[in-house]
């Protein structure tokens, strides 16, 4: 599918941040701009997949695997 371009620490931080933002969405249901917490889907998805499209565009690779 996509080439892995995220290292272990990068993936873990993305998953944690994504889950925290989604938790904020469910905890602040009455907030005016509470829907902005749904942006947490992006880091969660990229962390789970291990591939970031923006990293691919910019040529960044934090994955320790050899090419």
PDB file of N, CA and C in Angstrom:
ATOM      1  N   UNK A   1       0.843  -1.173   0.000  1.00  0.00           N
ATOM      2  CA  UNK A   1       0.000   0.000   0.000  1.00  0.00           C
ATOM      3  C   UNK A   1       0.889   1.237   0.000  1.00  0.00           C
ATOM      4  N   UNK A   2       1.155   1.816   1.153  1.00  0.00           N
ATOM      5  CA  UNK A   2       2.042   2.961   1.266  1.00  0.00           C
ATOM      6  C   UNK A   2       3.342   2.507   1.902  1.00  0.00           C
ATOM      7  N   UNK A   3       4.437   3.144   1.528  1.00  0.00           N
ATOM      8  CA  UNK A   3       5.724   2.826   2.139  1.00  0.00           C
ATOM      9  C   UNK A   3       5.740   3.359   3.569  1.00  0.00           C
ATOM     10  N   UNK A   4       6.283   2.580   4.470  1.00  0.00           N
ATOM     11  CA  UNK A   4       6.392   3.010   5.868  1.00  0.00           C
ATOM     12  C   UNK A   4       7.418   4.134   5.947  1.00  0.00           C
ATOM     13  N   UNK A   5       7.027   5.254   6.536  1.00  0.00           N
ATOM     14  CA  UNK A   5       7.960   6.364   6.676  1.00  0.00           C
ATOM     15  C   UNK A   5       7.907   6.996   8.070  1.00  0.00           C
ATOM     16  N   UNK A   6       7.365   6.260   9.035  1.00  0.00           N
ATOM     17  CA  UNK A   6       7.308   6.740  10.411  1.00  0.00           C
ATOM     18  C   UNK A   6       8.010   5.745  11.324  1.00  0.00           C
ATOM     19  N   UNK A   7       8.822   6.266  12.222  1.00  0.00           N
ATOM     20  CA  UNK A   7       9.482   5.429  13.203  1.00  0.00           C
ATOM     21  C   UNK A   7       8.562   5.113  14.375  1.00  0.00           C
ATOM     22  N   UNK A   8       9.054   4.286  15.302  1.00  0.00           N
ATOM     23  CA  UNK A   8       8.250   3.842  16.434  1.00  0.00           C
ATOM     24  C   UNK A   8       7.792   4.966  17.341  1.00  0.00           C
ATOM     25  N   UNK A   9       8.692   5.877  17.697  1.00  0.00           N
ATOM     26  CA  UNK A   9       8.332   6.995  18.566  1.00  0.00           C
ATOM     27  C   UNK A   9       7.346   7.927  17.877  1.00  0.00           C
ATOM     28  N   UNK A  10       7.585   8.184  16.608  1.00  0.00           N
ATOM     29  CA  UNK A  10       6.692   9.040  15.827  1.00  0.00           C
ATOM     30  C   UNK A  10       5.283   8.449  15.779  1.00  0.00           C
ATOM     31  N   UNK A  11       5.195   7.159  15.535  1.00  0.00           N
ATOM     32  CA  UNK A  11       3.888   6.491  15.479  1.00  0.00           C
ATOM     33  C   UNK A  11       3.195   6.545  16.836  1.00  0.00           C
ATOM     34  N   UNK A  12       3.933   6.271  17.901  1.00  0.00           N
ATOM     35  CA  UNK A  12       3.335   6.269  19.238  1.00  0.00           C
ATOM     36  C   UNK A  12       2.796   7.652  19.605  1.00  0.00           C
ATOM     37  N   UNK A  13       3.555   8.687  19.316  1.00  0.00           N
ATOM     38  CA  UNK A  13       3.100  10.048  19.620  1.00  0.00           C
ATOM     39  C   UNK A  13       1.865  10.421  18.811  1.00  0.00           C
ATOM     40  N   UNK A  14       1.816  10.023  17.560  1.00  0.00           N
ATOM     41  CA  UNK A  14       0.648  10.315  16.732  1.00  0.00           C
ATOM     42  C   UNK A  14      -0.598   9.616  17.270  1.00  0.00           C
ATOM     43  N   UNK A  15      -0.436   8.363  17.679  1.00  0.00           N
ATOM     44  CA  UNK A  15      -1.576   7.619  18.217  1.00  0.00           C
ATOM     45  C   UNK A  15      -2.068   8.254  19.511  1.00  0.00           C
ATOM     46  N   UNK A  16      -1.145   8.637  20.390  1.00  0.00           N
ATOM     47  CA  UNK A  16      -1.518   9.258  21.665  1.00  0.00           C
ATOM     48  C   UNK A  16      -2.228  10.594  21.428  1.00  0.00           C
ATOM     49  N   UNK A  17      -1.675  11.422  20.556  1.00  0.00           N
ATOM     50  CA  UNK A  17      -2.284  12.726  20.269  1.00  0.00           C
ATOM     51  C   UNK A  17      -3.658  12.543  19.617  1.00  0.00           C
ATOM     52  N   UNK A  18      -3.764  11.606  18.690  1.00  0.00           N
ATOM     53  CA  UNK A  18      -5.046  11.353  18.028  1.00  0.00           C
ATOM     54  C   UNK A  18      -6.105  10.894  19.006  1.00  0.00           C
ATOM     55  N   UNK A  19      -5.746   9.966  19.890  1.00  0.00           N
ATOM     56  CA  UNK A  19      -6.702   9.488  20.888  1.00  0.00           C
ATOM     57  C   UNK A  19      -7.088  10.590  21.874  1.00  0.00           C
ATOM     58  N   UNK A  20      -6.123  11.438  22.253  1.00  0.00           N
ATOM     59  CA  UNK A  20      -6.416  12.536  23.173  1.00  0.00           C
ATOM     60  C   UNK A  20      -7.382  13.536  22.542  1.00  0.00           C
ATOM     61  N   UNK A  21      -7.176  13.847  21.281  1.00  0.00           N
ATOM     62  CA  UNK A  21      -8.085  14.786  20.611  1.00  0.00           C
ATOM     63  C   UNK A  21      -9.484  14.194  20.458  1.00  0.00           C
ATOM     64  N   UNK A  22      -9.570  12.923  20.124  1.00  0.00           N
ATOM     65  CA  UNK A  22     -10.888  12.295  20.010  1.00  0.00           C
ATOM     66  C   UNK A  22     -11.572  12.189  21.366  1.00  0.00           C
ATOM     67  N   UNK A  23     -10.804  11.956  22.423  1.00  0.00           N
ATOM     68  CA  UNK A  23     -11.385  11.943  23.770  1.00  0.00           C
ATOM     69  C   UNK A  23     -11.918  13.334  24.118  1.00  0.00           C
ATOM     70  N   UNK A  24     -11.184  14.372  23.723  1.00  0.00           N
ATOM     71  CA  UNK A  24     -11.652  15.735  23.945  1.00  0.00           C
ATOM     72  C   UNK A  24     -12.954  16.011  23.233  1.00  0.00           C
ATOM     73  N   UNK A  25     -13.131  15.440  22.060  1.00  0.00           N
ATOM     74  CA  UNK A  25     -14.385  15.612  21.321  1.00  0.00           C
ATOM     75  C   UNK A  25     -15.559  15.024  22.101  1.00  0.00           C
ATOM     76  N   UNK A  26     -15.377  13.831  22.644  1.00  0.00           N
ATOM     77  CA  UNK A  26     -16.469  13.180  23.358  1.00  0.00           C
ATOM     78  C   UNK A  26     -16.696  13.768  24.750  1.00  0.00           C
ATOM     79  N   UNK A  27     -15.679  14.396  25.322  1.00  0.00           N
ATOM     80  CA  UNK A  27     -15.819  14.979  26.651  1.00  0.00           C
ATOM     81  C   UNK A  27     -16.397  16.393  26.598  1.00  0.00           C
ATOM     82  N   UNK A  28     -16.230  17.088  25.486  1.00  0.00           N
ATOM     83  CA  UNK A  28     -16.705  18.466  25.332  1.00  0.00           C
ATOM     84  C   UNK A  28     -17.767  18.542  24.245  1.00  0.00           C
ATOM     85  N   UNK A  29     -18.823  17.810  24.410  1.00  0.00           N
ATOM     86  CA  UNK A  29     -19.835  17.755  23.360  1.00  0.00           C
ATOM     87  C   UNK A  29     -20.573  19.084  23.170  1.00  0.00           C
ATOM     88  N   UNK A  30     -20.635  19.911  24.189  1.00  0.00           N
ATOM     89  CA  UNK A  30     -21.363  21.168  24.083  1.00  0.00           C
ATOM     90  C   UNK A  30     -20.505  22.341  23.658  1.00  0.00           C
ATOM     91  N   UNK A  31     -19.224  22.117  23.397  1.00  0.00           N
ATOM     92  CA  UNK A  31     -18.337  23.217  23.033  1.00  0.00           C
ATOM     93  C   UNK A  31     -18.703  23.768  21.657  1.00  0.00           C
ATOM     94  N   UNK A  32     -18.495  25.075  21.497  1.00  0.00           N
ATOM     95  CA  UNK A  32     -18.847  25.735  20.240  1.00  0.00           C
ATOM     96  C   UNK A  32     -18.070  25.157  19.069  1.00  0.00           C
ATOM     97  N   UNK A  33     -16.775  25.028  19.214  1.00  0.00           N
ATOM     98  CA  UNK A  33     -15.945  24.481  18.148  1.00  0.00           C
ATOM     99  C   UNK A  33     -15.445  23.083  18.510  1.00  0.00           C
ATOM    100  N   UNK A  34     -16.263  22.322  19.185  1.00  0.00           N
ATOM    101  CA  UNK A  34     -15.891  20.978  19.613  1.00  0.00           C
ATOM    102  C   UNK A  34     -15.624  20.027  18.467  1.00  0.00           C
ATOM    103  N   UNK A  35     -16.207  20.299  17.315  1.00  0.00           N
ATOM    104  CA  UNK A  35     -15.998  19.442  16.154  1.00  0.00           C
ATOM    105  C   UNK A  35     -14.554  19.488  15.670  1.00  0.00           C
ATOM    106  N   UNK A  36     -13.799  20.517  16.057  1.00  0.00           N
ATOM    107  CA  UNK A  36     -12.396  20.601  15.649  1.00  0.00           C
ATOM    108  C   UNK A  36     -11.551  19.487  16.260  1.00  0.00           C
ATOM    109  N   UNK A  37     -12.037  18.906  17.354  1.00  0.00           N
ATOM    110  CA  UNK A  37     -11.316  17.782  17.951  1.00  0.00           C
ATOM    111  C   UNK A  37     -11.273  16.590  16.995  1.00  0.00           C
ATOM    112  N   UNK A  38     -12.164  16.540  16.041  1.00  0.00           N
ATOM    113  CA  UNK A  38     -12.187  15.428  15.095  1.00  0.00           C
ATOM    114  C   UNK A  38     -10.957  15.403  14.199  1.00  0.00           C
ATOM    115  N   UNK A  39     -10.167  16.465  14.216  1.00  0.00           N
ATOM    116  CA  UNK A  39      -8.910  16.469  13.477  1.00  0.00           C
ATOM    117  C   UNK A  39      -7.981  15.372  14.013  1.00  0.00           C
ATOM    118  N   UNK A  40      -8.289  14.854  15.204  1.00  0.00           N
ATOM    119  CA  UNK A  40      -7.511  13.766  15.796  1.00  0.00           C
ATOM    120  C   UNK A  40      -7.567  12.485  14.991  1.00  0.00           C
ATOM    121  N   UNK A  41      -8.517  12.391  14.068  1.00  0.00           N
ATOM    122  CA  UNK A  41      -8.596  11.218  13.201  1.00  0.00           C
ATOM    123  C   UNK A  41      -7.350  11.119  12.320  1.00  0.00           C
ATOM    124  N   UNK A  42      -6.828  12.251  11.886  1.00  0.00           N
ATOM    125  CA  UNK A  42      -5.675  12.252  10.979  1.00  0.00           C
ATOM    126  C   UNK A  42      -4.423  11.676  11.648  1.00  0.00           C
ATOM    127  N   UNK A  43      -3.975  12.203  12.803  1.00  0.00           N
ATOM    128  CA  UNK A  43      -2.780  11.590  13.401  1.00  0.00           C
ATOM    129  C   UNK A  43      -3.013  10.154  13.852  1.00  0.00           C
ATOM    130  N   UNK A  44      -4.228   9.835  14.271  1.00  0.00           N
ATOM    131  CA  UNK A  44      -4.519   8.462  14.676  1.00  0.00           C
ATOM    132  C   UNK A  44      -4.398   7.521  13.481  1.00  0.00           C
ATOM    133  N   UNK A  45      -4.970   7.890  12.359  1.00  0.00           N
ATOM    134  CA  UNK A  45      -4.913   7.036  11.166  1.00  0.00           C
ATOM    135  C   UNK A  45      -3.482   6.891  10.650  1.00  0.00           C
ATOM    136  N   UNK A  46      -2.747   7.999  10.579  1.00  0.00           N
ATOM    137  CA  UNK A  46      -1.378   7.902  10.070  1.00  0.00           C
ATOM    138  C   UNK A  46      -0.488   7.134  11.043  1.00  0.00           C
ATOM    139  N   UNK A  47      -0.741   7.266  12.333  1.00  0.00           N
ATOM    140  CA  UNK A  47       0.026   6.500  13.307  1.00  0.00           C
ATOM    141  C   UNK A  47      -0.249   5.014  13.223  1.00  0.00           C
ATOM    142  N   UNK A  48      -1.495   4.644  13.008  1.00  0.00           N
ATOM    143  CA  UNK A  48      -1.843   3.235  12.895  1.00  0.00           C
ATOM    144  C   UNK A  48      -1.331   2.623  11.591  1.00  0.00           C
ATOM    145  N   UNK A  49      -1.332   3.405  10.520  1.00  0.00           N
ATOM    146  CA  UNK A  49      -0.866   2.904   9.226  1.00  0.00           C
ATOM    147  C   UNK A  49       0.658   2.912   9.116  1.00  0.00           C
ATOM    148  N   UNK A  50       1.314   3.820   9.844  1.00  0.00           N
ATOM    149  CA  UNK A  50       2.776   3.917   9.774  1.00  0.00           C
ATOM    150  C   UNK A  50       3.267   4.676   8.564  1.00  0.00           C
ATOM    151  N   UNK A  51       2.369   5.358   7.888  1.00  0.00           N
ATOM    152  CA  UNK A  51       2.727   6.102   6.694  1.00  0.00           C
ATOM    153  C   UNK A  51       2.030   7.454   6.709  1.00  0.00           C
ATOM    154  N   UNK A  52       2.784   8.496   6.443  1.00  0.00           N
ATOM    155  CA  UNK A  52       2.237   9.852   6.420  1.00  0.00           C
ATOM    156  C   UNK A  52       2.393  10.425   5.005  1.00  0.00           C
ATOM    157  N   UNK A  53       1.295  10.787   4.356  1.00  0.00           N
ATOM    158  CA  UNK A  53       1.391  11.344   3.003  1.00  0.00           C
ATOM    159  C   UNK A  53       2.217  12.635   2.942  1.00  0.00           C
ATOM    160  N   UNK A  54       2.122  13.464   3.965  1.00  0.00           N
ATOM    161  CA  UNK A  54       2.904  14.698   3.974  1.00  0.00           C
ATOM    162  C   UNK A  54       4.396  14.401   4.062  1.00  0.00           C
ATOM    163  N   UNK A  55       4.769  13.399   4.853  1.00  0.00           N
ATOM    164  CA  UNK A  55       6.171  12.983   4.909  1.00  0.00           C
ATOM    165  C   UNK A  55       6.654  12.539   3.530  1.00  0.00           C
ATOM    166  N   UNK A  56       5.812  11.830   2.798  1.00  0.00           N
ATOM    167  CA  UNK A  56       6.187  11.374   1.459  1.00  0.00           C
ATOM    168  C   UNK A  56       6.428  12.552   0.524  1.00  0.00           C
ATOM    169  N   UNK A  57       5.575  13.552   0.601  1.00  0.00           N
ATOM    170  CA  UNK A  57       5.711  14.728  -0.258  1.00  0.00           C
ATOM    171  C   UNK A  57       6.981  15.500   0.071  1.00  0.00           C
ATOM    172  N   UNK A  58       7.275  15.632   1.375  1.00  0.00           N
ATOM    173  CA  UNK A  58       8.447  16.398   1.803  1.00  0.00           C
ATOM    174  C   UNK A  58       9.737  15.584   1.823  1.00  0.00           C
ATOM    175  N   UNK A  59       9.636  14.277   1.602  1.00  0.00           N
ATOM    176  CA  UNK A  59      10.827  13.429   1.588  1.00  0.00           C
ATOM    177  C   UNK A  59      11.367  13.110   2.966  1.00  0.00           C
ATOM    178  N   UNK A  60      10.528  13.155   3.983  1.00  0.00           N
ATOM    179  CA  UNK A  60      10.939  12.861   5.358  1.00  0.00           C
ATOM    180  C   UNK A  60      10.702  11.388   5.641  1.00  0.00           C
ATOM    181  N   UNK A  61      11.645  10.767   6.349  1.00  0.00           N
ATOM    182  CA  UNK A  61      11.496   9.368   6.703  1.00  0.00           C
ATOM    183  C   UNK A  61      12.107   9.165   8.088  1.00  0.00           C
ATOM    184  N   UNK A  62      11.275   8.874   9.082  1.00  0.00           N
ATOM    185  CA  UNK A  62      11.762   8.639  10.448  1.00  0.00           C
ATOM    186  C   UNK A  62      11.837   7.151  10.763  1.00  0.00           C
ATOM    187  N   UNK A  63      11.505   6.309   9.793  1.00  0.00           N
ATOM    188  CA  UNK A  63      11.528   4.868   9.975  1.00  0.00           C
ATOM    189  C   UNK A  63      12.982   4.383   9.908  1.00  0.00           C
ATOM    190  N   UNK A  64      13.404   3.571  10.874  1.00  0.00           N
ATOM    191  CA  UNK A  64      14.798   3.129  10.894  1.00  0.00           C
ATOM    192  C   UNK A  64      15.116   2.031   9.883  1.00  0.00           C
ATOM    193  N   UNK A  65      14.120   1.542   9.132  1.00  0.00           N
ATOM    194  CA  UNK A  65      14.381   0.478   8.153  1.00  0.00           C
ATOM    195  C   UNK A  65      15.235   0.995   7.003  1.00  0.00           C
ATOM    196  N   UNK A  66      16.100   0.118   6.496  1.00  0.00           N
ATOM    197  CA  UNK A  66      16.933   0.469   5.343  1.00  0.00           C
ATOM    198  C   UNK A  66      16.104   0.395   4.072  1.00  0.00           C
ATOM    199  N   UNK A  67      16.424   1.224   3.104  1.00  0.00           N
ATOM    200  CA  UNK A  67      15.694   1.222   1.835  1.00  0.00           C
ATOM    201  C   UNK A  67      16.253   0.152   0.922  1.00  0.00           C
TER     202      UNK A  67
END
